[in-house]
């Protein structure tokens, strides 16, 4: 695996110091050394601008206070978290970590003018893994801002994929095992939210990072009064979509060779670790602060689902946002979903490793060799599903 030029590295704007510390922790394969040298030089060139932002805005960022406890959107990646995030984006009362901040976090405050316009002009119209439209102002996972300022972030597994699952678990389900790392992670994460608060003029933040699904107890201790929406999806669909996503985004991120078989094995591990942690930790959240929904319901009845979310979590007058949601949803009529077959080997593998999820969330297990059975309560011709 050496196609490291296929897309822009998601940690491209990482500061020089955390990049050097990151490189000391993992092995860089020979074929990637030129690429890594380029990354180091880019970070070196960025340093004066990063220091200027820190000098100009550091005190303002440190003093920024969240206007209200955040709303956290939880769920394994490819479970519909982005669709849910975009629905919340239609409500002007909320603020978000945007694609702009996530991409340029270390210099986001000083880059809001011509730099932002220049980057916007060169952006693709849609995401590579699912055809979802993207703009710099659209919401993004705060994890992608976090990787720009600290080596203590789960997504750095993309640089060193052979260290999976250890590097992922260390900052997700095992975060807190090393107190010094936890303190540095918390400080960096708070900085991301404080800068987002400034960029959003103090609005209440709605945050979506799938890894948070395994950190619920930590989030609850850090942000008392926070609200949570957990979205689940048929496990077969999640597995296939996760495999497809990493084939789209990992090339261009990594500093070492890896195999797709190893990545697929890690997806199996990550889902189990993440959801088992959530099922154990969700009990710490007050019932009035958590709502669980199905992607399939959100997909077919989005207005009803959002009305339930607003009501359960007391997020304000839903009638005010209803016409905005309707307008947005009407604009999705021409959205083309990815489509995948559901082969017997996928059914067998998911049944073997993720059987607990079917019982926990009420999905029906399929039997290999019997196409046309029900997936998520709807008949699927030839075991075929579409992506969202």
Protein backbone atom coordinates (compact mmCIF):
# COMPACT_ATOMS: atom_id res chain seq x y z
CA UNK A 1 0.00 0.00 0.00
CA UNK A 2 1.81 3.10 -1.15
CA UNK A 3 -0.68 5.42 -2.81
CA UNK A 4 0.11 8.29 -0.45
CA UNK A 5 -0.72 10.97 -3.00
CA UNK A 6 -4.37 10.08 -3.59
CA UNK A 7 -5.83 12.59 -1.16
CA UNK A 8 -4.77 15.29 1.28
CA UNK A 9 -3.63 14.05 4.68
CA UNK A 10 -6.23 14.78 7.34
CA UNK A 11 -3.46 15.74 9.79
CA UNK A 12 -1.75 17.99 7.22
CA UNK A 13 -1.83 21.10 9.44
CA UNK A 14 -0.51 19.37 12.56
CA UNK A 15 1.94 21.45 14.57
CA UNK A 16 5.64 20.64 14.30
CA UNK A 17 6.10 19.55 17.94
CA UNK A 18 3.24 17.01 18.04
CA UNK A 19 4.27 15.72 14.60
CA UNK A 20 7.83 15.07 15.79
CA UNK A 21 6.54 13.32 18.91
CA UNK A 22 4.19 11.26 16.76
CA UNK A 23 7.00 10.21 14.42
CA UNK A 24 9.10 9.07 17.38
CA UNK A 25 6.37 6.65 18.41
CA UNK A 26 5.91 4.72 15.17
CA UNK A 27 7.97 3.17 12.39
CA UNK A 28 8.06 5.00 9.06
CA UNK A 29 8.58 2.59 6.17
CA UNK A 30 11.29 3.36 3.63
CA UNK A 31 8.86 4.08 0.80
CA UNK A 32 7.20 6.86 2.80
CA UNK A 33 10.25 8.75 4.08
CA UNK A 34 10.14 11.36 1.32
CA UNK A 35 6.45 11.93 2.04
CA UNK A 36 7.16 12.32 5.76
CA UNK A 37 9.98 14.79 5.09
CA UNK A 38 7.50 16.85 3.08
CA UNK A 39 5.05 16.75 5.96
CA UNK A 40 7.72 17.91 8.41
CA UNK A 41 8.75 20.77 6.13
CA UNK A 42 5.12 21.85 5.74
CA UNK A 43 4.67 21.87 9.52
CA UNK A 44 7.89 23.87 9.88
CA UNK A 45 6.60 26.47 7.42
CA UNK A 46 3.33 26.61 9.36
CA UNK A 47 5.01 27.37 12.70
CA UNK A 48 5.22 31.18 12.39
CA UNK A 49 1.52 31.35 11.55
CA UNK A 50 0.64 28.97 14.39
CA UNK A 51 2.62 31.05 16.86
CA UNK A 52 1.04 34.25 15.57
CA UNK A 53 -2.44 32.78 16.11
CA UNK A 54 -1.45 31.71 19.60
CA UNK A 55 -0.12 35.21 20.36
CA UNK A 56 -3.11 36.99 18.82
CA UNK A 57 -5.92 34.73 19.98
CA UNK A 58 -4.53 32.49 22.74
CA UNK A 59 -5.98 34.45 25.67
CA UNK A 60 -9.37 34.77 23.98
CA UNK A 61 -9.50 31.04 23.30
CA UNK A 62 -8.46 30.14 26.83
CA UNK A 63 -11.13 32.43 28.26
CA UNK A 64 -13.94 31.15 26.03
CA UNK A 65 -16.73 29.42 27.94
CA UNK A 66 -19.27 27.02 26.48
CA UNK A 67 -22.67 28.70 26.51
CA UNK A 68 -24.37 25.39 27.38
CA UNK A 69 -23.38 21.72 27.73
CA UNK A 70 -22.85 20.24 24.26
CA UNK A 71 -25.15 17.91 22.38
CA UNK A 72 -23.13 14.78 21.51
CA UNK A 73 -24.12 12.62 18.55
CA UNK A 74 -22.93 9.06 19.18
CA UNK A 75 -22.75 5.97 17.03
CA UNK A 76 -20.27 3.80 15.17
CA UNK A 77 -18.94 5.38 12.01
CA UNK A 78 -21.15 4.80 8.97
CA UNK A 79 -24.25 4.54 11.16
CA UNK A 80 -25.83 7.74 9.85
CA UNK A 81 -24.03 10.12 12.21
CA UNK A 82 -23.20 12.55 9.39
CA UNK A 83 -26.80 12.64 8.17
CA UNK A 84 -27.94 13.37 11.73
CA UNK A 85 -25.23 16.03 12.12
CA UNK A 86 -26.35 17.78 8.93
CA UNK A 87 -29.94 17.80 10.13
CA UNK A 88 -28.89 19.59 13.32
CA UNK A 89 -26.87 21.98 11.15
CA UNK A 90 -30.13 23.39 9.78
CA UNK A 91 -30.98 24.84 13.21
CA UNK A 92 -29.36 28.30 13.59
CA UNK A 93 -29.34 28.06 17.39
CA UNK A 94 -26.45 25.57 17.26
CA UNK A 95 -22.76 25.88 16.48
CA UNK A 96 -20.41 23.26 15.05
CA UNK A 97 -16.82 22.32 14.49
CA UNK A 98 -16.78 22.93 10.74
CA UNK A 99 -14.74 21.50 7.90
CA UNK A 100 -12.83 24.78 7.96
CA UNK A 101 -11.86 24.52 11.62
CA UNK A 102 -11.19 20.78 11.41
CA UNK A 103 -8.84 21.33 8.47
CA UNK A 104 -6.97 24.43 9.68
CA UNK A 105 -7.47 24.32 13.44
CA UNK A 106 -4.02 25.65 14.47
CA UNK A 107 -4.52 28.77 12.30
CA UNK A 108 -8.31 28.88 11.98
CA UNK A 109 -8.75 32.28 13.61
CA UNK A 110 -6.32 34.09 11.29
CA UNK A 111 -7.37 32.18 8.14
CA UNK A 112 -11.00 33.25 7.93
CA UNK A 113 -10.48 35.61 4.99
CA UNK A 114 -8.73 34.95 1.69
CA UNK A 115 -7.18 31.69 2.91
CA UNK A 116 -10.61 30.22 3.53
CA UNK A 117 -11.86 31.41 0.15
CA UNK A 118 -8.82 29.93 -1.59
CA UNK A 119 -9.29 26.53 0.04
CA UNK A 120 -13.03 26.53 -0.67
CA UNK A 121 -12.35 27.07 -4.36
CA UNK A 122 -10.26 23.90 -4.53
CA UNK A 123 -12.52 21.60 -2.52
CA UNK A 124 -14.34 18.62 -4.09
CA UNK A 125 -18.11 18.89 -4.21
CA UNK A 126 -18.73 15.61 -2.37
CA UNK A 127 -17.04 13.24 0.06
CA UNK A 128 -15.25 10.35 -1.66
CA UNK A 129 -16.85 7.55 0.38
CA UNK A 130 -20.56 8.41 0.18
CA UNK A 131 -21.28 11.30 -2.21
CA UNK A 132 -22.40 13.61 0.63
CA UNK A 133 -22.04 17.27 -0.36
CA UNK A 134 -19.34 19.17 1.53
CA UNK A 135 -18.49 22.83 2.10
CA UNK A 136 -16.04 24.48 4.47
CA UNK A 137 -18.93 25.65 6.66
CA UNK A 138 -20.51 22.18 6.97
CA UNK A 139 -20.12 20.35 10.30
CA UNK A 140 -17.21 17.99 10.79
CA UNK A 141 -15.91 15.60 13.43
CA UNK A 142 -13.91 17.44 16.08
CA UNK A 143 -11.47 14.51 16.07
CA UNK A 144 -10.11 15.92 12.80
CA UNK A 145 -9.30 19.19 14.54
CA UNK A 146 -7.81 17.37 17.50
CA UNK A 147 -5.20 15.56 15.37
CA UNK A 148 -3.78 18.96 14.35
CA UNK A 149 -2.70 19.89 17.89
CA UNK A 150 -1.80 16.70 19.74
CA UNK A 151 -0.27 13.31 19.12
CA UNK A 152 -2.78 11.93 21.65
CA UNK A 153 -5.64 11.40 19.22
CA UNK A 154 -7.24 8.20 17.97
CA UNK A 155 -7.18 9.14 14.31
CA UNK A 156 -3.38 9.02 14.23
CA UNK A 157 -3.87 5.32 13.59
CA UNK A 158 -4.18 6.43 9.96
CA UNK A 159 -0.48 7.32 10.02
CA UNK A 160 0.55 4.02 11.62
CA UNK A 161 -2.15 1.48 10.68
CA UNK A 162 0.03 -1.50 11.61
CA UNK A 163 -0.30 -0.39 15.24
CA UNK A 164 -4.02 -1.16 15.17
CA UNK A 165 -5.90 -1.90 17.34
CA UNK A 166 -3.56 -0.66 20.08
CA UNK A 167 -3.21 2.98 19.00
CA UNK A 168 -7.00 3.26 18.56
CA UNK A 169 -7.96 1.61 21.83
CA UNK A 170 -5.43 3.75 23.69
CA UNK A 171 -7.40 6.92 22.95
CA UNK A 172 -10.92 5.52 22.88
CA UNK A 173 -11.98 2.68 25.18
CA UNK A 174 -8.72 2.83 27.21
CA UNK A 175 -8.46 6.62 27.42
CA UNK A 176 -7.65 7.32 31.06
CA UNK A 177 -5.32 4.37 31.51
CA UNK A 178 -2.39 6.79 31.36
CA UNK A 179 -3.25 9.90 33.46
CA UNK A 180 -0.72 12.20 31.76
CA UNK A 181 -2.07 11.34 28.32
CA UNK A 182 -5.63 11.81 29.51
CA UNK A 183 -4.82 15.28 30.84
CA UNK A 184 -3.18 16.26 27.54
CA UNK A 185 -6.11 14.86 25.55
CA UNK A 186 -8.61 16.75 27.70
CA UNK A 187 -6.69 20.03 27.37
CA UNK A 188 -6.47 19.66 23.59
CA UNK A 189 -10.13 18.70 23.29
CA UNK A 190 -11.25 21.67 25.36
CA UNK A 191 -9.17 23.93 23.12
CA UNK A 192 -11.00 22.58 20.07
CA UNK A 193 -14.37 23.34 21.67
CA UNK A 194 -13.28 26.77 22.92
CA UNK A 195 -12.10 27.79 19.46
CA UNK A 196 -15.33 26.42 17.98
CA UNK A 197 -17.26 28.53 20.48
CA UNK A 198 -15.47 31.67 19.29
CA UNK A 199 -15.92 30.79 15.62
CA UNK A 200 -19.65 30.20 16.24
CA UNK A 201 -20.23 33.38 18.27
CA UNK A 202 -20.95 31.49 21.48
CA UNK A 203 -23.66 29.16 20.19
CA UNK A 204 -24.31 25.83 21.87
CA UNK A 205 -22.24 23.15 20.16
CA UNK A 206 -23.53 19.99 18.52
CA UNK A 207 -20.60 17.57 18.27
CA UNK A 208 -20.18 14.37 16.29
CA UNK A 209 -17.20 12.06 16.64
CA UNK A 210 -17.92 8.31 16.47
CA UNK A 211 -15.06 7.50 18.87
CA UNK A 212 -17.00 9.32 21.60
CA UNK A 213 -19.32 6.30 21.64
CA UNK A 214 -16.63 4.52 23.68
CA UNK A 215 -15.96 7.53 25.95
CA UNK A 216 -19.44 8.24 27.31
CA UNK A 217 -18.45 8.09 30.99
CA UNK A 218 -15.54 10.48 30.37
CA UNK A 219 -17.73 12.94 28.46
CA UNK A 220 -20.32 12.81 31.23
CA UNK A 221 -17.68 13.73 33.81
CA UNK A 222 -16.22 16.52 31.65
CA UNK A 223 -19.53 18.07 30.55
CA UNK A 224 -22.25 17.71 33.20
CA UNK A 225 -25.67 18.32 31.71
CA UNK A 226 -24.67 17.34 28.18
CA UNK A 227 -27.28 15.74 25.92
CA UNK A 228 -26.71 12.59 23.86
CA UNK A 229 -28.24 11.12 20.73
CA UNK A 230 -27.14 7.58 19.94
CA UNK A 231 -27.85 6.35 16.41
CA UNK A 232 -27.65 2.66 15.55
CA UNK A 233 -27.71 0.95 12.18
CA UNK A 234 -27.97 -2.54 10.80
CA UNK A 235 -24.59 -4.16 11.55
CA UNK A 236 -24.20 -5.71 8.09
CA UNK A 237 -24.55 -2.29 6.51
CA UNK A 238 -22.10 -0.72 8.95
CA UNK A 239 -19.41 -3.32 8.26
CA UNK A 240 -19.57 -2.98 4.49
CA UNK A 241 -19.69 0.80 4.61
CA UNK A 242 -16.74 0.99 7.01
CA UNK A 243 -14.64 -1.23 4.75
CA UNK A 244 -15.51 0.94 1.76
CA UNK A 245 -14.79 4.19 3.62
CA UNK A 246 -11.27 3.24 4.66
CA UNK A 247 -10.44 2.13 1.15
CA UNK A 248 -11.36 5.64 0.08
CA UNK A 249 -9.61 7.68 2.79
CA UNK A 250 -6.60 5.74 4.13
CA UNK A 251 -4.43 6.12 1.02
CA UNK A 252 -2.73 9.46 1.46
CA UNK A 253 -2.72 9.31 5.27
CA UNK A 254 -0.27 6.57 6.13
CA UNK A 255 3.47 6.44 6.85
CA UNK A 256 3.72 2.66 6.46
CA UNK A 257 2.50 -0.29 4.43
CA UNK A 258 -0.53 -2.29 5.55
CA UNK A 259 -2.99 -4.84 4.23
CA UNK A 260 -6.71 -4.40 3.76
CA UNK A 261 -7.25 -7.72 5.52
CA UNK A 262 -5.73 -6.22 8.66
CA UNK A 263 -7.92 -3.12 8.36
CA UNK A 264 -11.04 -5.27 7.98
CA UNK A 265 -10.02 -7.26 11.08
CA UNK A 266 -9.61 -4.02 12.99
CA UNK A 267 -13.08 -2.84 11.94
CA UNK A 268 -14.48 -6.02 13.48
CA UNK A 269 -12.55 -5.29 16.69
CA UNK A 270 -13.39 -1.57 16.82
CA UNK A 271 -17.14 -2.05 16.48
CA UNK A 272 -17.22 -4.63 19.25
CA UNK A 273 -15.03 -2.57 21.59
CA UNK A 274 -16.90 0.67 20.93
CA UNK A 275 -20.42 -0.66 21.28
CA UNK A 276 -19.70 -2.84 24.29
CA UNK A 277 -18.21 0.22 26.01
CA UNK A 278 -21.30 2.24 25.13
CA UNK A 279 -23.71 -0.42 26.38
CA UNK A 280 -21.84 -0.51 29.68
CA UNK A 281 -21.40 3.24 30.12
CA UNK A 282 -24.75 4.58 28.90
CA UNK A 283 -26.23 3.91 32.34
CA UNK A 284 -24.35 6.95 33.73
CA UNK A 285 -26.41 9.28 31.53
CA UNK A 286 -29.73 10.46 33.02
CA UNK A 287 -32.64 9.05 31.04
CA UNK A 288 -33.88 12.52 30.12
CA UNK A 289 -30.49 13.33 28.57
CA UNK A 290 -30.21 10.36 26.19
CA UNK A 291 -32.27 9.25 23.23
CA UNK A 292 -31.50 6.26 21.01
CA UNK A 293 -32.70 6.15 17.41
CA UNK A 294 -32.32 3.90 14.37
CA UNK A 295 -30.79 5.14 11.15
CA UNK A 296 -33.49 3.29 9.24
CA UNK A 297 -36.16 5.34 11.04
CA UNK A 298 -34.25 8.58 10.52
CA UNK A 299 -33.92 7.72 6.83
CA UNK A 300 -37.61 7.03 6.28
CA UNK A 301 -39.19 9.42 8.83
CA UNK A 302 -36.62 12.16 9.52
CA UNK A 303 -39.08 14.81 10.71
CA UNK A 304 -40.68 12.47 13.23
CA UNK A 305 -37.25 11.36 14.50
CA UNK A 306 -36.01 14.92 14.89
CA UNK A 307 -39.21 15.94 16.64
CA UNK A 308 -38.69 13.09 19.13
CA UNK A 309 -35.07 14.14 19.70
CA UNK A 310 -35.98 17.77 20.36
CA UNK A 311 -38.76 16.74 22.69
CA UNK A 312 -36.81 14.14 24.68
CA UNK A 313 -33.73 16.33 25.11
CA UNK A 314 -35.62 19.63 25.48
CA UNK A 315 -33.69 21.36 22.70
CA UNK A 316 -36.20 24.09 22.01
CA UNK A 317 -39.31 24.74 19.97
CA UNK A 318 -39.23 22.23 17.12
CA UNK A 319 -41.82 24.17 15.14
CA UNK A 320 -39.19 26.88 14.60
CA UNK A 321 -36.74 24.52 12.90
CA UNK A 322 -39.29 22.31 11.14
CA UNK A 323 -39.54 24.39 7.93
CA UNK A 324 -35.74 24.59 7.72
CA UNK A 325 -35.47 20.82 7.99
CA UNK A 326 -38.17 20.33 5.38
CA UNK A 327 -36.37 22.62 2.94
CA UNK A 328 -33.09 20.77 3.49
CA UNK A 329 -34.68 17.34 3.13
CA UNK A 330 -36.46 18.38 -0.07
CA UNK A 331 -33.04 19.22 -1.47
CA UNK A 332 -31.82 15.66 -0.88
CA UNK A 333 -34.25 14.13 -3.37
CA UNK A 334 -31.53 13.80 -6.02
CA UNK A 335 -28.91 12.43 -3.64
CA UNK A 336 -27.38 9.23 -5.06
CA UNK A 337 -26.53 6.63 -2.43
CA UNK A 338 -23.78 4.08 -2.84
CA UNK A 339 -25.05 0.55 -3.40
CA UNK A 340 -23.47 -2.70 -2.23
CA UNK A 341 -24.24 -6.38 -2.48
CA UNK A 342 -24.45 -8.30 0.78
CA UNK A 343 -22.44 -11.49 0.18
CA UNK A 344 -22.67 -14.59 2.33
CA UNK A 345 -19.15 -14.15 3.70
CA UNK A 346 -20.08 -10.71 5.10
CA UNK A 347 -23.21 -12.13 6.71
CA UNK A 348 -21.24 -14.98 8.26
CA UNK A 349 -18.46 -12.75 9.55
CA UNK A 350 -20.78 -10.17 11.08
CA UNK A 351 -22.91 -12.89 12.66
CA UNK A 352 -19.82 -14.46 14.23
CA UNK A 353 -18.31 -11.32 15.74
CA UNK A 354 -21.16 -8.84 16.18
CA UNK A 355 -23.97 -11.12 17.23
CA UNK A 356 -24.41 -9.19 20.49
CA UNK A 357 -25.46 -6.09 18.55
CA UNK A 358 -28.43 -7.79 16.92
CA UNK A 359 -29.78 -8.69 20.33
CA UNK A 360 -28.91 -5.34 21.93
CA UNK A 361 -30.53 -3.22 19.22
CA UNK A 362 -33.25 -5.52 17.89
CA UNK A 363 -31.97 -6.23 14.39
CA UNK A 364 -32.73 -9.52 12.65
CA UNK A 365 -29.80 -11.77 11.80
CA UNK A 366 -29.61 -13.17 8.29
CA UNK A 367 -28.60 -16.68 7.35
CA UNK A 368 -25.93 -17.08 4.66
CA UNK A 369 -27.31 -18.61 1.49
CA UNK A 370 -30.84 -17.28 1.95
CA UNK A 371 -31.14 -14.03 -0.10
CA UNK A 372 -34.23 -11.91 0.18
CA UNK A 373 -34.53 -12.09 3.97
CA UNK A 374 -35.40 -9.01 5.97
CA UNK A 375 -32.71 -6.44 6.77
CA UNK A 376 -33.68 -3.80 9.33
CA UNK A 377 -37.34 -4.68 8.96
CA UNK A 378 -37.48 -4.14 5.20
CA UNK A 379 -37.23 -6.79 2.46
CA UNK A 380 -34.00 -6.55 0.50
CA UNK A 381 -33.95 -7.99 -2.99
CA UNK A 382 -30.85 -10.15 -3.53
CA UNK A 383 -29.36 -8.97 -0.22
CA UNK A 384 -28.61 -5.52 -1.60
CA UNK A 385 -28.41 -2.32 0.42
CA UNK A 386 -27.56 1.31 -0.26
CA UNK A 387 -25.25 3.61 1.63
CA UNK A 388 -25.99 6.96 3.30
